[in-house]
Amino acid sequence: MAVDRRAAGVVVWVAVVAAGCLPDFDDFEVGEESGDGDADGDGDTDADTDVDGDADADSGPCPLPYLLVAVEGFDGEPGRVLRLHLTENATEPCAPIVGTDRVPANPLTVTWLPEGRPEGLVAVAGSDLTAAMDAETGAVVWSRPTDESFQRTPVDLFPIESPEGVPLLMSAMKNAGSSNDVRLLLTRDLGDGHVVDTIDGADGGGPVAMGNLSVTPSPFEPQEILSFREPSPSYAASEVNPWTAERREPPWVAWLSGTWFQTIYALYDGELYRVAWVSGMAAGNEIYYLYQPSYSPGDHASGPTHCSNMECTFVHAVPDPTMNTALAAICEVAPQDRVVVRFRSTATECEVVASEADLGDIGGVRFSRLAVAVGP
């Protein structure tokens, strides 16, 4: 990760990055993994992910770090995951992962897990299905109904460890069709996707507070999550053990007056512990951010920042691991028209690196959530 030496404290420096042209998505399919060792369902055990028997030149791993974009499909368009390799000064598209009947048509959230396969797993969750794919081949490792019992919708998806140190996949769920509060935390086994734990969220003194619309894994403790809360007691990011519902005091990041956080995403980029929030109080749903070299509770988020060169309503934001001051976000530029942008907060000019319009007719697809795949 490059460090912007002009940034002081927790100020973010934002420079424009070069946009890459997206590949032709019609040429890609996701293979299915069957119990006989055939990873792609085409009757052999080779590494190709389609059914024509030959390996596609465009398939294969995406170099770390890369940005994942969950893309919902409508009117017959398949759901998919875009992958964009990130360098400090460029964005290079990798082969996307395009859905089948075992992958949700409407992936509402996405994540990357370093365990499970040599190149890790890409997991997506929609209102109907949750699935994990081999990050190198795109082959479906497992696919499960998202939530048969509770009728809830996934909001966030991320890796976490059990109290015994076992890597798991956690879904933060809200009540379908009603409140946006996270009400349930659900963990899955990485091997076959079965539900390991079901943890009540906001009800009954659970680990996630009322008014919390988003959850992210703690960059400090692999068995904890970060949540925010407003009103009192208010905090922008506090570490919580989801199994015991114990919250650390004081909170890692204190609340900022005048904000209403909608999403939160945290990561460790190899040098710094970083967080990005989208707030809905200011015009344009501005972004707040924080980075620290070590755990230092009681700090405040910096910001807000926004795209100075374009009209934008932020939907989701993540830290960009290529520089301490860089960010990436989904930006709604018009109704039914979203783009992915990269920027650095001291420049605030946003560069479009992916557009829904590049994937087909406006309204046929929708960018829903981001995630970052970053190595140790």
Protein backbone atom coordinates (compact mmCIF):
# COMPACT_ATOMS: atom_id res chain seq x y z
CA MET A 1 0.00 0.00 0.00
CA ALA A 2 1.30 3.44 -0.92
CA VAL A 3 1.10 6.16 1.70
CA ASP A 4 0.19 9.71 0.78
CA ARG A 5 2.81 11.76 2.59
CA ARG A 6 0.83 14.96 2.12
CA ALA A 7 -2.04 13.68 4.25
CA ALA A 8 -1.89 14.68 7.90
CA GLY A 9 -3.61 12.82 10.69
CA VAL A 10 -6.64 11.13 9.20
CA VAL A 11 -7.08 13.35 6.16
CA VAL A 12 -7.61 11.54 2.85
CA TRP A 13 -5.86 12.55 -0.42
CA VAL A 14 -7.85 11.69 -3.55
CA ALA A 15 -6.39 11.51 -7.04
CA VAL A 16 -8.01 10.31 -10.24
CA VAL A 17 -7.23 6.79 -11.37
CA ALA A 18 -7.32 5.52 -14.89
CA ALA A 19 -10.47 3.61 -15.83
CA GLY A 20 -10.23 0.26 -17.63
CA CYS A 21 -12.73 -0.90 -20.26
CA LEU A 22 -14.96 -3.68 -19.07
CA PRO A 23 -14.73 -6.99 -20.91
CA ASP A 24 -17.60 -8.57 -22.85
CA PHE A 25 -19.60 -10.26 -20.12
CA ASP A 26 -21.56 -12.48 -22.49
CA ASP A 27 -18.56 -14.81 -22.86
CA PHE A 28 -18.42 -15.86 -19.22
CA GLU A 29 -20.32 -18.48 -17.29
CA VAL A 30 -19.98 -19.81 -13.80
CA GLY A 31 -19.25 -23.50 -13.59
CA GLU A 32 -20.82 -25.77 -11.00
CA GLU A 33 -18.90 -27.94 -8.61
CA SER A 34 -20.27 -31.46 -8.27
CA GLY A 35 -19.54 -34.17 -5.77
CA ASP A 36 -17.48 -36.21 -8.23
CA GLY A 37 -14.64 -33.70 -8.37
CA ASP A 38 -15.83 -32.10 -11.60
CA ALA A 39 -15.46 -28.45 -10.68
CA ASP A 40 -17.38 -27.06 -13.63
CA GLY A 41 -20.10 -29.56 -14.46
CA ASP A 42 -18.94 -30.25 -18.02
CA GLY A 43 -18.04 -33.86 -17.47
CA ASP A 44 -14.31 -33.53 -16.93
CA THR A 45 -11.98 -32.38 -14.17
CA ASP A 46 -10.15 -29.62 -16.00
CA ALA A 47 -9.99 -26.02 -14.89
CA ASP A 48 -12.38 -24.52 -17.43
CA THR A 49 -15.56 -22.96 -16.09
CA ASP A 50 -17.86 -23.46 -19.07
CA VAL A 51 -19.39 -26.41 -20.86
CA ASP A 52 -17.44 -26.32 -24.12
CA GLY A 53 -14.56 -28.43 -22.80
CA ASP A 54 -11.78 -25.88 -23.27
CA ALA A 55 -10.38 -23.37 -20.82
CA ASP A 56 -11.32 -19.76 -21.52
CA ALA A 57 -8.35 -17.45 -21.82
CA ASP A 58 -10.22 -14.78 -19.89
CA SER A 59 -10.89 -16.98 -16.85
CA GLY A 60 -8.48 -17.29 -13.96
CA PRO A 61 -7.51 -15.48 -10.78
CA CYS A 62 -7.68 -11.75 -10.31
CA PRO A 63 -4.48 -10.30 -8.81
CA LEU A 64 -4.81 -8.92 -5.29
CA PRO A 65 -5.95 -6.42 -4.30
CA TYR A 66 -9.20 -6.19 -6.21
CA LEU A 67 -12.59 -4.57 -5.87
CA LEU A 68 -15.72 -6.72 -6.03
CA VAL A 69 -19.02 -5.26 -7.25
CA ALA A 70 -22.28 -7.14 -6.62
CA VAL A 71 -24.54 -6.63 -9.64
CA GLU A 72 -28.25 -7.44 -9.51
CA GLY A 73 -29.91 -8.66 -12.70
CA PHE A 74 -33.46 -7.80 -13.83
CA ASP A 75 -35.66 -8.75 -16.80
CA GLY A 76 -33.73 -11.92 -17.47
CA GLU A 77 -30.27 -10.45 -16.89
CA PRO A 78 -28.14 -12.73 -14.66
CA GLY A 79 -26.65 -11.63 -11.40
CA ARG A 80 -22.89 -11.24 -11.50
CA VAL A 81 -19.81 -10.06 -9.63
CA LEU A 82 -17.44 -7.62 -11.31
CA ARG A 83 -13.78 -7.79 -10.26
CA LEU A 84 -11.45 -4.82 -10.74
CA HIS A 85 -7.74 -5.17 -9.99
CA LEU A 86 -6.54 -2.07 -8.15
CA THR A 87 -3.18 -0.39 -8.42
CA GLU A 88 -2.29 3.06 -7.21
CA ASN A 89 -2.75 4.63 -10.64
CA ALA A 90 -4.89 2.21 -12.61
CA THR A 91 -7.95 -0.03 -12.51
CA GLU A 92 -7.77 -3.23 -14.56
CA PRO A 93 -10.91 -5.35 -15.12
CA CYS A 94 -10.67 -9.08 -14.46
CA ALA A 95 -13.08 -11.73 -15.69
CA PRO A 96 -16.45 -11.30 -13.94
CA ILE A 97 -18.34 -14.13 -12.29
CA VAL A 98 -21.75 -14.49 -13.94
CA GLY A 99 -24.62 -16.31 -12.26
CA THR A 100 -26.38 -19.58 -12.97
CA ASP A 101 -29.46 -21.12 -11.40
CA ARG A 102 -27.34 -21.82 -8.30
CA VAL A 103 -26.29 -18.18 -7.87
CA PRO A 104 -28.76 -15.42 -6.88
CA ALA A 105 -30.07 -13.27 -9.70
CA ASN A 106 -30.09 -10.36 -7.27
CA PRO A 107 -26.82 -10.45 -5.28
CA LEU A 108 -27.44 -7.79 -2.65
CA THR A 109 -24.03 -8.12 -1.02
CA VAL A 110 -20.66 -9.72 -1.74
CA THR A 111 -17.41 -10.61 0.00
CA TRP A 112 -14.07 -12.34 -0.52
CA LEU A 113 -12.76 -14.96 1.88
CA PRO A 114 -9.07 -15.96 1.87
CA GLU A 115 -9.88 -19.50 3.03
CA GLY A 116 -11.61 -22.38 1.27
CA ARG A 117 -9.67 -22.42 -2.03
CA PRO A 118 -6.08 -21.55 -3.09
CA GLU A 119 -7.27 -18.17 -4.45
CA GLY A 120 -10.02 -17.85 -1.85
CA LEU A 121 -13.79 -17.78 -2.19
CA VAL A 122 -16.13 -15.13 -3.55
CA ALA A 123 -19.47 -15.27 -1.73
CA VAL A 124 -22.72 -13.50 -2.62
CA ALA A 125 -26.10 -13.32 -0.91
CA GLY A 126 -29.46 -12.41 -2.39
CA SER A 127 -32.98 -12.60 -1.11
CA ASP A 128 -33.28 -16.16 -2.44
CA LEU A 129 -29.84 -17.79 -2.41
CA THR A 130 -26.43 -17.48 -0.79
CA ALA A 131 -23.56 -19.00 -2.77
CA ALA A 132 -19.77 -19.36 -2.65
CA MET A 133 -17.63 -19.56 -5.77
CA ASP A 134 -14.01 -20.47 -6.35
CA ALA A 135 -12.28 -17.10 -6.80
CA GLU A 136 -10.00 -18.49 -9.51
CA THR A 137 -12.38 -20.50 -11.70
CA GLY A 138 -15.77 -19.07 -10.77
CA ALA A 139 -17.07 -22.59 -10.11
CA VAL A 140 -19.92 -22.76 -7.60
CA VAL A 141 -18.64 -24.50 -4.45
CA TRP A 142 -22.02 -24.46 -2.70
CA SER A 143 -25.40 -22.74 -2.93
CA ARG A 144 -28.01 -22.55 -0.17
CA PRO A 145 -31.35 -20.83 0.45
CA THR A 146 -30.56 -17.49 2.10
CA ASP A 147 -33.11 -17.66 4.91
CA GLU A 148 -36.00 -20.09 4.82
CA SER A 149 -37.16 -19.64 8.40
CA PHE A 150 -36.92 -15.96 9.22
CA GLN A 151 -37.98 -14.24 5.96
CA ARG A 152 -35.11 -11.78 6.20
CA THR A 153 -32.92 -10.09 3.62
CA PRO A 154 -29.10 -9.92 3.62
CA VAL A 155 -27.48 -6.51 4.13
CA ASP A 156 -23.80 -7.33 4.65
CA LEU A 157 -21.68 -10.43 4.10
CA PHE A 158 -18.16 -10.97 5.47
CA PRO A 159 -15.67 -13.47 6.94
CA ILE A 160 -15.45 -14.03 10.68
CA GLU A 161 -13.98 -16.60 13.05
CA SER A 162 -15.97 -18.64 15.55
CA PRO A 163 -15.00 -18.51 19.25
CA GLU A 164 -12.97 -21.67 18.51
CA GLY A 165 -11.10 -19.95 15.66
CA VAL A 166 -12.94 -21.67 12.79
CA PRO A 167 -13.32 -19.45 9.65
CA LEU A 168 -16.99 -18.80 8.87
CA LEU A 169 -19.14 -16.65 6.60
CA MET A 170 -21.44 -14.20 8.42
CA SER A 171 -24.58 -12.58 7.00
CA ALA A 172 -26.17 -9.52 8.59
CA MET A 173 -29.91 -9.73 7.92
CA LYS A 174 -32.79 -7.26 8.09
CA ASN A 175 -36.54 -7.91 8.20
CA ALA A 176 -37.80 -8.30 4.65
CA GLY A 177 -40.04 -5.47 3.53
CA SER A 178 -40.04 -3.51 6.78
CA SER A 179 -37.39 -1.95 8.99
CA ASN A 180 -33.87 -1.63 7.64
CA ASP A 181 -32.36 -2.41 11.04
CA VAL A 182 -30.08 -5.43 11.18
CA ARG A 183 -32.04 -8.02 13.17
CA LEU A 184 -30.15 -11.27 12.70
CA LEU A 185 -26.56 -12.47 12.34
CA LEU A 186 -26.22 -15.83 10.60
CA THR A 187 -22.99 -17.80 10.16
CA ARG A 188 -22.28 -20.49 7.55
CA ASP A 189 -19.69 -23.21 7.14
CA LEU A 190 -17.22 -22.47 4.34
CA GLY A 191 -17.15 -26.07 3.16
CA ASP A 192 -20.81 -26.64 2.30
CA GLY A 193 -22.66 -23.49 3.40
CA HIS A 194 -24.80 -25.02 6.15
CA VAL A 195 -25.92 -22.67 8.92
CA VAL A 196 -23.67 -22.90 11.99
CA ASP A 197 -25.12 -20.19 14.27
CA THR A 198 -28.19 -17.97 14.26
CA ILE A 199 -27.68 -14.95 16.49
CA ASP A 200 -30.46 -12.51 17.39
CA GLY A 201 -29.42 -9.00 16.48
CA ALA A 202 -31.22 -5.97 17.89
CA ASP A 203 -33.86 -7.85 19.83
CA GLY A 204 -33.38 -8.97 23.41
CA GLY A 205 -30.04 -7.28 24.07
CA GLY A 206 -28.36 -8.75 20.99
CA PRO A 207 -24.97 -7.69 19.60
CA VAL A 208 -26.34 -5.19 17.04
CA ALA A 209 -28.15 -2.09 18.29
CA MET A 210 -31.47 -0.73 17.07
CA GLY A 211 -30.90 1.80 14.33
CA ASN A 212 -27.89 -0.11 12.96
CA LEU A 213 -28.23 -0.43 9.21
CA SER A 214 -24.89 -2.08 8.42
CA VAL A 215 -22.23 -4.32 9.98
CA THR A 216 -18.60 -5.02 9.07
CA PRO A 217 -15.90 -7.33 10.47
CA SER A 218 -13.46 -5.87 12.96
CA PRO A 219 -10.04 -5.25 11.38
CA PHE A 220 -8.48 -5.89 14.80
CA GLU A 221 -10.14 -9.04 16.10
CA PRO A 222 -11.20 -11.81 13.68
CA GLN A 223 -13.97 -12.95 16.06
CA GLU A 224 -15.61 -9.52 16.41
CA ILE A 225 -17.71 -7.14 14.33
CA LEU A 226 -17.96 -3.35 14.09
CA SER A 227 -21.34 -1.70 14.44
CA PHE A 228 -22.61 1.86 14.83
CA ARG A 229 -25.49 3.31 16.81
CA GLU A 230 -27.54 6.48 17.02
CA PRO A 231 -29.31 7.60 19.25
CA SER A 232 -27.83 7.27 22.71
CA PRO A 233 -25.49 5.69 23.40
CA SER A 234 -24.11 6.91 20.09
CA TYR A 235 -20.94 5.71 18.42
CA ALA A 236 -19.65 5.54 14.85
CA ALA A 237 -17.82 2.21 15.26
CA SER A 238 -17.67 -0.05 18.26
CA GLU A 239 -16.25 -3.56 18.47
CA VAL A 240 -18.77 -6.20 19.49
CA ASN A 241 -18.41 -9.91 20.16
CA PRO A 242 -21.47 -11.31 18.35
CA TRP A 243 -21.57 -14.51 20.38
CA THR A 244 -21.53 -12.82 23.79
CA ALA A 245 -23.04 -9.43 22.78
CA GLU A 246 -20.24 -7.73 24.74
CA ARG A 247 -19.23 -4.32 23.41
CA ARG A 248 -15.86 -2.70 24.01
CA GLU A 249 -15.75 0.55 25.94
CA PRO A 250 -14.92 3.18 24.99
CA PRO A 251 -16.00 2.81 21.33
CA TRP A 252 -13.23 2.77 18.74
CA VAL A 253 -14.75 5.71 16.82
CA ALA A 254 -16.92 8.31 18.54
CA TRP A 255 -20.14 9.63 17.04
CA LEU A 256 -20.14 12.78 14.89
CA SER A 257 -23.03 15.16 15.41
CA GLY A 258 -25.09 15.77 12.28
CA THR A 259 -24.40 12.41 10.65
CA TRP A 260 -26.69 9.49 9.94
CA PHE A 261 -24.60 6.56 8.89
CA GLN A 262 -26.14 4.13 6.44
CA THR A 263 -23.23 1.79 5.67
CA ILE A 264 -19.88 0.89 7.23
CA TYR A 265 -16.92 -1.06 5.81
CA ALA A 266 -13.59 -1.72 7.56
CA LEU A 267 -10.36 -3.45 6.58
CA TYR A 268 -6.67 -3.73 7.39
CA ASP A 269 -4.60 -2.87 4.30
CA GLY A 270 -1.32 -4.26 5.60
CA GLU A 271 -0.26 -1.04 7.30
CA LEU A 272 -3.36 0.80 8.46
CA TYR A 273 -6.73 0.03 10.02
CA ARG A 274 -9.33 1.78 7.90
CA VAL A 275 -13.05 2.48 7.80
CA ALA A 276 -15.42 4.14 5.31
CA TRP A 277 -18.98 5.23 6.06
CA VAL A 278 -21.79 6.59 3.92
CA SER A 279 -23.89 9.20 5.73
CA GLY A 280 -27.37 10.17 4.61
CA MET A 281 -27.71 13.50 6.39
CA ALA A 282 -25.71 15.74 4.05
CA ALA A 283 -26.75 16.43 0.47
CA GLY A 284 -25.40 13.71 -1.77
CA ASN A 285 -24.94 11.14 1.01
CA GLU A 286 -21.35 12.09 1.76
CA ILE A 287 -18.54 9.78 2.83
CA TYR A 288 -16.65 9.80 6.12
CA TYR A 289 -13.41 7.92 6.67
CA LEU A 290 -10.74 7.01 9.20
CA TYR A 291 -7.35 5.35 9.21
CA GLN A 292 -5.06 4.51 12.13
CA PRO A 293 -1.74 2.62 12.41
CA SER A 294 -2.89 0.95 15.65
CA TYR A 295 -5.92 0.62 17.87
CA SER A 296 -6.65 4.04 19.36
CA PRO A 297 -10.20 4.36 20.71
CA GLY A 298 -12.07 7.64 21.02
CA ASP A 299 -11.09 9.20 17.68
CA HIS A 300 -13.60 10.80 15.32
CA ALA A 301 -14.19 10.07 11.65
CA SER A 302 -12.86 12.59 9.16
CA GLY A 303 -14.91 14.14 6.41
CA PRO A 304 -17.26 14.55 4.85
CA THR A 305 -15.98 14.15 1.33
CA HIS A 306 -17.85 13.91 -1.96
CA CYS A 307 -17.37 13.95 -5.74
CA SER A 308 -16.56 17.53 -6.66
CA ASN A 309 -16.78 16.89 -10.41
CA MET A 310 -20.15 15.10 -10.64
CA GLU A 311 -23.58 14.84 -9.06
CA CYS A 312 -23.58 11.72 -6.92
CA THR A 313 -25.64 9.98 -4.28
CA PHE A 314 -23.38 7.46 -2.56
CA VAL A 315 -24.83 3.99 -2.03
CA HIS A 316 -21.84 2.18 -0.50
CA ALA A 317 -18.19 2.99 0.12
CA VAL A 318 -15.02 1.05 0.96
CA PRO A 319 -11.41 1.99 1.67
CA ASP A 320 -9.17 1.58 -1.38
CA PRO A 321 -6.16 -0.46 -0.17
CA THR A 322 -3.69 0.97 -2.69
CA MET A 323 -3.21 4.25 -0.79
CA ASN A 324 -4.00 5.38 2.72
CA THR A 325 -6.23 8.18 1.48
CA ALA A 326 -8.04 6.42 -1.36
CA LEU A 327 -11.69 5.35 -1.43
CA ALA A 328 -14.05 3.53 -3.79
CA ALA A 329 -17.83 3.89 -3.89
CA ILE A 330 -21.03 3.08 -5.71
CA CYS A 331 -22.49 6.36 -6.89
CA GLU A 332 -26.02 6.91 -8.19
CA VAL A 333 -25.75 9.60 -10.86
CA ALA A 334 -29.39 9.39 -11.99
CA PRO A 335 -32.42 7.20 -11.27
CA GLN A 336 -31.61 3.62 -12.29
CA ASP A 337 -28.07 4.65 -13.23
CA ARG A 338 -25.16 3.79 -10.94
CA VAL A 339 -21.41 3.85 -11.44
CA VAL A 340 -18.37 2.77 -9.41
CA VAL A 341 -15.88 5.53 -8.68
CA ARG A 342 -12.40 5.77 -7.18
CA PHE A 343 -11.02 8.94 -5.62
CA ARG A 344 -8.79 10.39 -2.94
CA SER A 345 -10.36 12.68 -0.44
CA THR A 346 -7.98 15.62 -0.70
CA ALA A 347 -8.65 15.96 -4.43
CA THR A 348 -12.34 14.83 -4.39
CA GLU A 349 -12.52 14.41 -8.17
CA CYS A 350 -14.13 11.02 -8.82
CA GLU A 351 -13.09 8.77 -11.68
CA VAL A 352 -15.67 6.34 -13.03
CA VAL A 353 -14.17 2.84 -13.26
CA ALA A 354 -17.35 0.81 -13.94
CA SER A 355 -20.77 1.74 -15.24
CA GLU A 356 -24.09 -0.08 -15.39
CA ALA A 357 -24.47 1.26 -18.91
CA ASP A 358 -21.46 -0.85 -19.98
CA LEU A 359 -23.36 -4.00 -19.03
CA GLY A 360 -26.49 -3.41 -21.13
CA ASP A 361 -29.67 -1.41 -21.06
CA ILE A 362 -30.16 0.96 -18.15
CA GLY A 363 -32.48 -0.70 -15.65
CA GLY A 364 -31.45 -4.25 -16.54
CA VAL A 365 -28.74 -4.38 -13.88
CA ARG A 366 -27.99 -2.55 -10.64
CA PHE A 367 -24.76 -2.18 -8.64
CA SER A 368 -25.70 -3.05 -5.07
CA ARG A 369 -22.61 -3.49 -2.88
CA LEU A 370 -18.81 -3.41 -2.86
CA ALA A 371 -16.15 -5.50 -1.17
CA VAL A 372 -12.36 -5.60 -1.23
CA ALA A 373 -10.12 -8.63 -1.66
CA VAL A 374 -6.81 -7.81 -0.03
CA GLY A 375 -4.00 -10.15 1.00
CA PRO A 376 -2.23 -10.30 4.36
